[in-house]
Amino acid sequence: MQSIVIISIALIYFQATLNAASCSELKDAINSNPENVTELSINQTAENVTKLSINQTAENVTELSINEAAAFEQIVKLTNCPVPRIPKNGGLVCVYFDNYYCKPMCNQGYDFAFLRRSRLYEECGTKTAFTWTTQYIGGSRLAECIVSDVLVSGQPSAYFNKKTCREVVSDMKRKREHLDEFISELKIRGIQNNQKKELDFVTCGE
């Protein structure tokens, strides 16, 4: 029993000696070269800030997409139109001119399942008896985006080139550019009455 106590005391003393030596070495390192310590602190801080920034960005994008979807559902319901299904691997750019007009769009690397070159948008409102125009029979599916290296089924403006829908939604400037582009396309087609920009939005599928 006595030998066990002696060994335990020896181990404690040895550990304390090591800790003291480590502290002494660290103190000497700080005194001899404080710049290294400062540099280490700065690098660690920068790394932590970067991680925080990435986490915050991901959180903000998620929150933004949820808010966009909620606004989308609420606004469309106000017009008595059913909520359209948002295409996976793409999204919808929607604006209001008496009726709601939504342009289905695909992410980079995806194309429309059906040819849409002459069909830039779908609409819903009084002119359509509050049902969505669509190539699909029944329901509110406006378009589908399928994997494809060649983008030929839609018009050039119907793709999120070099970006995904979610990246566009998280960038207010890019989002506004897509909305303004669609508004211009509609005005060329004579659709320009009673525009309400506060009802414009971009929403993304999965």
C-alpha atoms as a PDB file:
ATOM      1  CA  MET A   1       0.000   0.000   0.000  1.00  0.00           C
ATOM      2  CA  GLN A   2       2.837   2.343   0.961  1.00  0.00           C
ATOM      3  CA  SER A   3       4.601   1.673  -2.343  1.00  0.00           C
ATOM      4  CA  ILE A   4       1.439   2.539  -4.294  1.00  0.00           C
ATOM      5  CA  VAL A   5       1.196   5.887  -2.459  1.00  0.00           C
ATOM      6  CA  ILE A   6       4.853   6.630  -3.190  1.00  0.00           C
ATOM      7  CA  ILE A   7       4.381   5.804  -6.895  1.00  0.00           C
ATOM      8  CA  SER A   8       1.257   7.989  -7.068  1.00  0.00           C
ATOM      9  CA  ILE A   9       3.101  10.913  -5.466  1.00  0.00           C
ATOM     10  CA  ALA A  10       5.966  10.422  -7.909  1.00  0.00           C
ATOM     11  CA  LEU A  11       3.581  10.462 -10.889  1.00  0.00           C
ATOM     12  CA  ILE A  12       1.874  13.620  -9.659  1.00  0.00           C
ATOM     13  CA  TYR A  13       5.269  15.310  -9.166  1.00  0.00           C
ATOM     14  CA  PHE A  14       6.404  14.200 -12.644  1.00  0.00           C
ATOM     15  CA  GLN A  15       3.204  15.577 -14.280  1.00  0.00           C
ATOM     16  CA  ALA A  16       3.528  18.857 -12.394  1.00  0.00           C
ATOM     17  CA  THR A  17       7.159  19.135 -13.506  1.00  0.00           C
ATOM     18  CA  LEU A  18       6.135  18.573 -17.138  1.00  0.00           C
ATOM     19  CA  ASN A  19       3.381  21.183 -16.900  1.00  0.00           C
ATOM     20  CA  ALA A  20       5.749  23.678 -15.345  1.00  0.00           C
ATOM     21  CA  ALA A  21       8.306  22.985 -18.073  1.00  0.00           C
ATOM     22  CA  SER A  22       5.663  23.443 -20.764  1.00  0.00           C
ATOM     23  CA  CYS A  23       4.505  26.710 -19.227  1.00  0.00           C
ATOM     24  CA  SER A  24       8.121  27.856 -18.921  1.00  0.00           C
ATOM     25  CA  GLU A  25       8.804  26.983 -22.572  1.00  0.00           C
ATOM     26  CA  LEU A  26       5.659  28.777 -23.680  1.00  0.00           C
ATOM     27  CA  LYS A  27       6.588  31.820 -21.616  1.00  0.00           C
ATOM     28  CA  ASP A  28      10.101  31.823 -23.097  1.00  0.00           C
ATOM     29  CA  ALA A  29       8.621  31.518 -26.609  1.00  0.00           C
ATOM     30  CA  ILE A  30       6.342  34.492 -26.010  1.00  0.00           C
ATOM     31  CA  ASN A  31       9.167  36.605 -24.566  1.00  0.00           C
ATOM     32  CA  SER A  32      11.646  35.692 -27.291  1.00  0.00           C
ATOM     33  CA  ASN A  33       9.266  36.024 -30.273  1.00  0.00           C
ATOM     34  CA  PRO A  34       5.914  37.669 -29.485  1.00  0.00           C
ATOM     35  CA  GLU A  35       5.248  38.194 -33.220  1.00  0.00           C
ATOM     36  CA  ASN A  36       4.742  34.444 -33.723  1.00  0.00           C
ATOM     37  CA  VAL A  37       2.177  34.371 -30.943  1.00  0.00           C
ATOM     38  CA  THR A  38       0.403  37.384 -32.443  1.00  0.00           C
ATOM     39  CA  GLU A  39       0.480  35.802 -35.887  1.00  0.00           C
ATOM     40  CA  LEU A  40      -0.921  32.554 -34.486  1.00  0.00           C
ATOM     41  CA  SER A  41      -3.680  34.477 -32.730  1.00  0.00           C
ATOM     42  CA  ILE A  42      -4.535  36.393 -35.923  1.00  0.00           C
ATOM     43  CA  ASN A  43      -4.564  33.213 -38.043  1.00  0.00           C
ATOM     44  CA  GLN A  44      -6.789  31.414 -35.546  1.00  0.00           C
ATOM     45  CA  THR A  45      -9.118  34.412 -35.391  1.00  0.00           C
ATOM     46  CA  ALA A  46      -9.276  34.646 -39.199  1.00  0.00           C
ATOM     47  CA  GLU A  47     -10.032  30.932 -39.414  1.00  0.00           C
ATOM     48  CA  ASN A  48     -12.798  31.255 -36.827  1.00  0.00           C
ATOM     49  CA  VAL A  49     -14.264  34.282 -38.612  1.00  0.00           C
ATOM     50  CA  THR A  50     -14.215  32.390 -41.920  1.00  0.00           C
ATOM     51  CA  LYS A  51     -16.016  29.416 -40.364  1.00  0.00           C
ATOM     52  CA  LEU A  52     -18.520  31.750 -38.743  1.00  0.00           C
ATOM     53  CA  SER A  53     -19.075  33.584 -42.022  1.00  0.00           C
ATOM     54  CA  ILE A  54     -19.673  30.316 -43.903  1.00  0.00           C
ATOM     55  CA  ASN A  55     -22.080  29.066 -41.244  1.00  0.00           C
ATOM     56  CA  GLN A  56     -23.946  32.366 -41.151  1.00  0.00           C
ATOM     57  CA  THR A  57     -24.200  32.451 -44.954  1.00  0.00           C
ATOM     58  CA  ALA A  58     -25.602  28.921 -45.075  1.00  0.00           C
ATOM     59  CA  GLU A  59     -28.060  29.791 -42.318  1.00  0.00           C
ATOM     60  CA  ASN A  60     -29.113  33.008 -44.063  1.00  0.00           C
ATOM     61  CA  VAL A  61     -29.652  31.239 -47.390  1.00  0.00           C
ATOM     62  CA  THR A  62     -31.794  28.592 -45.706  1.00  0.00           C
ATOM     63  CA  GLU A  63     -33.810  31.222 -43.869  1.00  0.00           C
ATOM     64  CA  LEU A  64     -34.166  33.293 -47.045  1.00  0.00           C
ATOM     65  CA  SER A  65     -35.386  30.335 -49.103  1.00  0.00           C
ATOM     66  CA  ILE A  66     -37.964  29.493 -46.428  1.00  0.00           C
ATOM     67  CA  ASN A  67     -39.170  33.107 -46.361  1.00  0.00           C
ATOM     68  CA  GLU A  68     -39.339  33.224 -50.170  1.00  0.00           C
ATOM     69  CA  ALA A  69     -41.418  30.054 -50.258  1.00  0.00           C
ATOM     70  CA  ALA A  70     -43.757  31.374 -47.568  1.00  0.00           C
ATOM     71  CA  ALA A  71     -44.205  34.699 -49.370  1.00  0.00           C
ATOM     72  CA  PHE A  72     -44.752  32.841 -52.644  1.00  0.00           C
ATOM     73  CA  GLU A  73     -47.514  30.714 -51.171  1.00  0.00           C
ATOM     74  CA  GLN A  74     -49.201  33.650 -49.474  1.00  0.00           C
ATOM     75  CA  ILE A  75     -49.097  35.960 -52.505  1.00  0.00           C
ATOM     76  CA  VAL A  76     -50.372  33.365 -54.937  1.00  0.00           C
ATOM     77  CA  LYS A  77     -53.224  32.502 -52.604  1.00  0.00           C
ATOM     78  CA  LEU A  78     -54.222  36.168 -52.507  1.00  0.00           C
ATOM     79  CA  THR A  79     -54.886  35.983 -56.238  1.00  0.00           C
ATOM     80  CA  ASN A  80     -57.058  32.843 -55.870  1.00  0.00           C
ATOM     81  CA  CYS A  81     -54.526  30.887 -57.933  1.00  0.00           C
ATOM     82  CA  PRO A  82     -53.283  27.518 -56.696  1.00  0.00           C
ATOM     83  CA  VAL A  83     -49.669  27.344 -55.607  1.00  0.00           C
ATOM     84  CA  PRO A  84     -47.676  25.964 -58.553  1.00  0.00           C
ATOM     85  CA  ARG A  85     -45.120  23.231 -58.061  1.00  0.00           C
ATOM     86  CA  ILE A  86     -41.600  24.636 -58.182  1.00  0.00           C
ATOM     87  CA  PRO A  87     -39.375  22.609 -60.516  1.00  0.00           C
ATOM     88  CA  LYS A  88     -36.628  20.646 -58.795  1.00  0.00           C
ATOM     89  CA  ASN A  89     -33.116  21.698 -59.852  1.00  0.00           C
ATOM     90  CA  GLY A  90     -34.500  25.063 -60.869  1.00  0.00           C
ATOM     91  CA  GLY A  91     -37.017  27.665 -59.823  1.00  0.00           C
ATOM     92  CA  LEU A  92     -39.676  30.168 -60.803  1.00  0.00           C
ATOM     93  CA  VAL A  93     -39.296  33.868 -61.545  1.00  0.00           C
ATOM     94  CA  CYS A  94     -42.725  35.426 -60.997  1.00  0.00           C
ATOM     95  CA  VAL A  95     -44.145  38.918 -61.574  1.00  0.00           C
ATOM     96  CA  TYR A  96     -47.602  40.462 -61.407  1.00  0.00           C
ATOM     97  CA  PHE A  97     -49.383  42.303 -64.251  1.00  0.00           C
ATOM     98  CA  ASP A  98     -53.098  41.891 -63.457  1.00  0.00           C
ATOM     99  CA  ASN A  99     -52.379  38.143 -63.755  1.00  0.00           C
ATOM    100  CA  TYR A 100     -49.458  36.274 -62.269  1.00  0.00           C
ATOM    101  CA  TYR A 101     -46.740  35.335 -64.767  1.00  0.00           C
ATOM    102  CA  CYS A 102     -44.101  32.774 -63.808  1.00  0.00           C
ATOM    103  CA  LYS A 103     -41.077  31.849 -65.893  1.00  0.00           C
ATOM    104  CA  PRO A 104     -39.790  28.343 -65.085  1.00  0.00           C
ATOM    105  CA  MET A 105     -35.990  28.254 -64.997  1.00  0.00           C
ATOM    106  CA  CYS A 106     -33.441  25.423 -64.719  1.00  0.00           C
ATOM    107  CA  ASN A 107     -30.093  25.396 -62.951  1.00  0.00           C
ATOM    108  CA  GLN A 108     -26.868  24.974 -64.884  1.00  0.00           C
ATOM    109  CA  GLY A 109     -26.562  21.354 -66.056  1.00  0.00           C
ATOM    110  CA  TYR A 110     -30.323  20.826 -66.314  1.00  0.00           C
ATOM    111  CA  ASP A 111     -32.762  21.271 -69.176  1.00  0.00           C
ATOM    112  CA  PHE A 112     -36.529  21.207 -69.561  1.00  0.00           C
ATOM    113  CA  ALA A 113     -38.214  17.851 -70.099  1.00  0.00           C
ATOM    114  CA  PHE A 114     -40.407  19.380 -72.822  1.00  0.00           C
ATOM    115  CA  LEU A 115     -39.541  21.886 -75.538  1.00  0.00           C
ATOM    116  CA  ARG A 116     -40.289  25.409 -74.258  1.00  0.00           C
ATOM    117  CA  ARG A 117     -38.595  27.688 -76.769  1.00  0.00           C
ATOM    118  CA  SER A 118     -41.896  29.270 -77.749  1.00  0.00           C
ATOM    119  CA  ARG A 119     -43.278  29.052 -74.217  1.00  0.00           C
ATOM    120  CA  LEU A 120     -41.348  31.435 -71.972  1.00  0.00           C
ATOM    121  CA  TYR A 121     -43.842  31.571 -69.107  1.00  0.00           C
ATOM    122  CA  GLU A 122     -47.054  30.248 -67.598  1.00  0.00           C
ATOM    123  CA  GLU A 123     -49.802  32.444 -66.163  1.00  0.00           C
ATOM    124  CA  CYS A 124     -52.715  32.381 -63.755  1.00  0.00           C
ATOM    125  CA  GLY A 125     -55.478  34.877 -62.982  1.00  0.00           C
ATOM    126  CA  THR A 126     -58.770  36.175 -64.273  1.00  0.00           C
ATOM    127  CA  LYS A 127     -57.815  35.477 -67.897  1.00  0.00           C
ATOM    128  CA  THR A 128     -57.215  31.816 -67.134  1.00  0.00           C
ATOM    129  CA  ALA A 129     -60.119  31.295 -64.701  1.00  0.00           C
ATOM    130  CA  PHE A 130     -57.550  31.161 -61.863  1.00  0.00           C
ATOM    131  CA  THR A 131     -55.812  28.042 -63.142  1.00  0.00           C
ATOM    132  CA  TRP A 132     -52.228  27.796 -64.339  1.00  0.00           C
ATOM    133  CA  THR A 133     -51.510  27.313 -68.004  1.00  0.00           C
ATOM    134  CA  THR A 134     -49.213  24.303 -68.345  1.00  0.00           C
ATOM    135  CA  GLN A 135     -47.957  21.663 -70.744  1.00  0.00           C
ATOM    136  CA  TYR A 136     -48.847  19.028 -68.184  1.00  0.00           C
ATOM    137  CA  ILE A 137     -52.335  17.608 -67.809  1.00  0.00           C
ATOM    138  CA  GLY A 138     -54.095  18.844 -64.678  1.00  0.00           C
ATOM    139  CA  GLY A 139     -52.513  20.069 -61.460  1.00  0.00           C
ATOM    140  CA  SER A 140     -50.080  22.946 -61.134  1.00  0.00           C
ATOM    141  CA  ARG A 141     -46.799  21.486 -62.407  1.00  0.00           C
ATOM    142  CA  LEU A 142     -45.371  24.137 -64.733  1.00  0.00           C
ATOM    143  CA  ALA A 143     -42.103  22.508 -65.794  1.00  0.00           C
ATOM    144  CA  GLU A 144     -39.508  19.863 -64.991  1.00  0.00           C
ATOM    145  CA  CYS A 145     -35.726  20.231 -65.072  1.00  0.00           C
ATOM    146  CA  ILE A 146     -33.802  17.081 -65.944  1.00  0.00           C
ATOM    147  CA  VAL A 147     -30.055  16.425 -66.101  1.00  0.00           C
ATOM    148  CA  SER A 148     -28.609  17.519 -69.439  1.00  0.00           C
ATOM    149  CA  ASP A 149     -25.284  18.832 -70.711  1.00  0.00           C
ATOM    150  CA  VAL A 150     -26.990  20.511 -73.668  1.00  0.00           C
ATOM    151  CA  LEU A 151     -29.485  23.304 -72.980  1.00  0.00           C
ATOM    152  CA  VAL A 152     -31.786  23.397 -75.991  1.00  0.00           C
ATOM    153  CA  SER A 153     -35.381  23.099 -74.792  1.00  0.00           C
ATOM    154  CA  GLY A 154     -35.827  26.598 -73.391  1.00  0.00           C
ATOM    155  CA  GLN A 155     -35.003  30.143 -74.364  1.00  0.00           C
ATOM    156  CA  PRO A 156     -31.523  31.363 -73.344  1.00  0.00           C
ATOM    157  CA  SER A 157     -32.942  33.473 -70.494  1.00  0.00           C
ATOM    158  CA  ALA A 158     -34.658  30.434 -68.934  1.00  0.00           C
ATOM    159  CA  TYR A 159     -31.472  29.111 -67.303  1.00  0.00           C
ATOM    160  CA  PHE A 160     -29.547  30.205 -64.224  1.00  0.00           C
ATOM    161  CA  ASN A 161     -26.265  30.331 -66.123  1.00  0.00           C
ATOM    162  CA  LYS A 162     -23.226  29.574 -63.930  1.00  0.00           C
ATOM    163  CA  LYS A 163     -25.459  29.932 -60.876  1.00  0.00           C
ATOM    164  CA  THR A 164     -28.111  27.924 -59.082  1.00  0.00           C
ATOM    165  CA  CYS A 165     -31.500  29.319 -58.195  1.00  0.00           C
ATOM    166  CA  ARG A 166     -30.575  29.413 -54.512  1.00  0.00           C
ATOM    167  CA  GLU A 167     -27.414  31.401 -55.219  1.00  0.00           C
ATOM    168  CA  VAL A 168     -29.488  33.929 -57.167  1.00  0.00           C
ATOM    169  CA  VAL A 169     -32.112  34.179 -54.399  1.00  0.00           C
ATOM    170  CA  SER A 170     -29.394  34.888 -51.814  1.00  0.00           C
ATOM    171  CA  ASP A 171     -28.045  37.765 -53.947  1.00  0.00           C
ATOM    172  CA  MET A 172     -30.537  40.656 -54.060  1.00  0.00           C
ATOM    173  CA  LYS A 173     -28.859  42.260 -57.063  1.00  0.00           C
ATOM    174  CA  ARG A 174     -28.851  39.080 -59.150  1.00  0.00           C
ATOM    175  CA  LYS A 175     -32.421  38.314 -58.140  1.00  0.00           C
ATOM    176  CA  ARG A 176     -33.582  41.778 -59.216  1.00  0.00           C
ATOM    177  CA  GLU A 177     -31.750  41.357 -62.534  1.00  0.00           C
ATOM    178  CA  HIS A 178     -33.694  38.170 -63.301  1.00  0.00           C
ATOM    179  CA  LEU A 179     -36.977  39.820 -62.335  1.00  0.00           C
ATOM    180  CA  ASP A 180     -36.272  42.918 -64.458  1.00  0.00           C
ATOM    181  CA  GLU A 181     -35.263  40.742 -67.404  1.00  0.00           C
ATOM    182  CA  PHE A 182     -38.559  38.853 -67.214  1.00  0.00           C
ATOM    183  CA  ILE A 183     -40.524  42.114 -66.874  1.00  0.00           C
ATOM    184  CA  SER A 184     -38.831  43.400 -70.042  1.00  0.00           C
ATOM    185  CA  GLU A 185     -39.652  40.163 -71.877  1.00  0.00           C
ATOM    186  CA  LEU A 186     -43.315  40.487 -70.898  1.00  0.00           C
ATOM    187  CA  LYS A 187     -43.492  44.151 -71.943  1.00  0.00           C
ATOM    188  CA  ILE A 188     -42.149  43.242 -75.379  1.00  0.00           C
ATOM    189  CA  ARG A 189     -45.143  40.901 -75.619  1.00  0.00           C
ATOM    190  CA  GLY A 190     -47.520  43.733 -74.705  1.00  0.00           C
ATOM    191  CA  ILE A 191     -47.998  42.661 -71.067  1.00  0.00           C
ATOM    192  CA  GLN A 192     -47.527  45.776 -68.942  1.00  0.00           C
ATOM    193  CA  ASN A 193     -50.780  46.752 -67.213  1.00  0.00           C
ATOM    194  CA  ASN A 194     -51.113  47.194 -63.451  1.00  0.00           C
ATOM    195  CA  GLN A 195     -47.652  46.016 -62.532  1.00  0.00           C
ATOM    196  CA  LYS A 196     -46.993  45.543 -58.798  1.00  0.00           C
ATOM    197  CA  LYS A 197     -43.290  45.107 -58.103  1.00  0.00           C
ATOM    198  CA  GLU A 198     -43.927  44.374 -54.443  1.00  0.00           C
ATOM    199  CA  LEU A 199     -45.493  41.095 -55.576  1.00  0.00           C
ATOM    200  CA  ASP A 200     -42.453  40.015 -57.639  1.00  0.00           C
ATOM    201  CA  PHE A 201     -40.393  37.117 -56.331  1.00  0.00           C
ATOM    202  CA  VAL A 202     -38.021  34.286 -57.199  1.00  0.00           C
ATOM    203  CA  THR A 203     -38.464  30.904 -55.525  1.00  0.00           C
ATOM    204  CA  CYS A 204     -36.429  27.710 -55.784  1.00  0.00           C
ATOM    205  CA  GLY A 205     -37.112  23.999 -55.893  1.00  0.00           C
ATOM    206  CA  GLU A 206     -35.102  21.341 -54.103  1.00  0.00           C
END
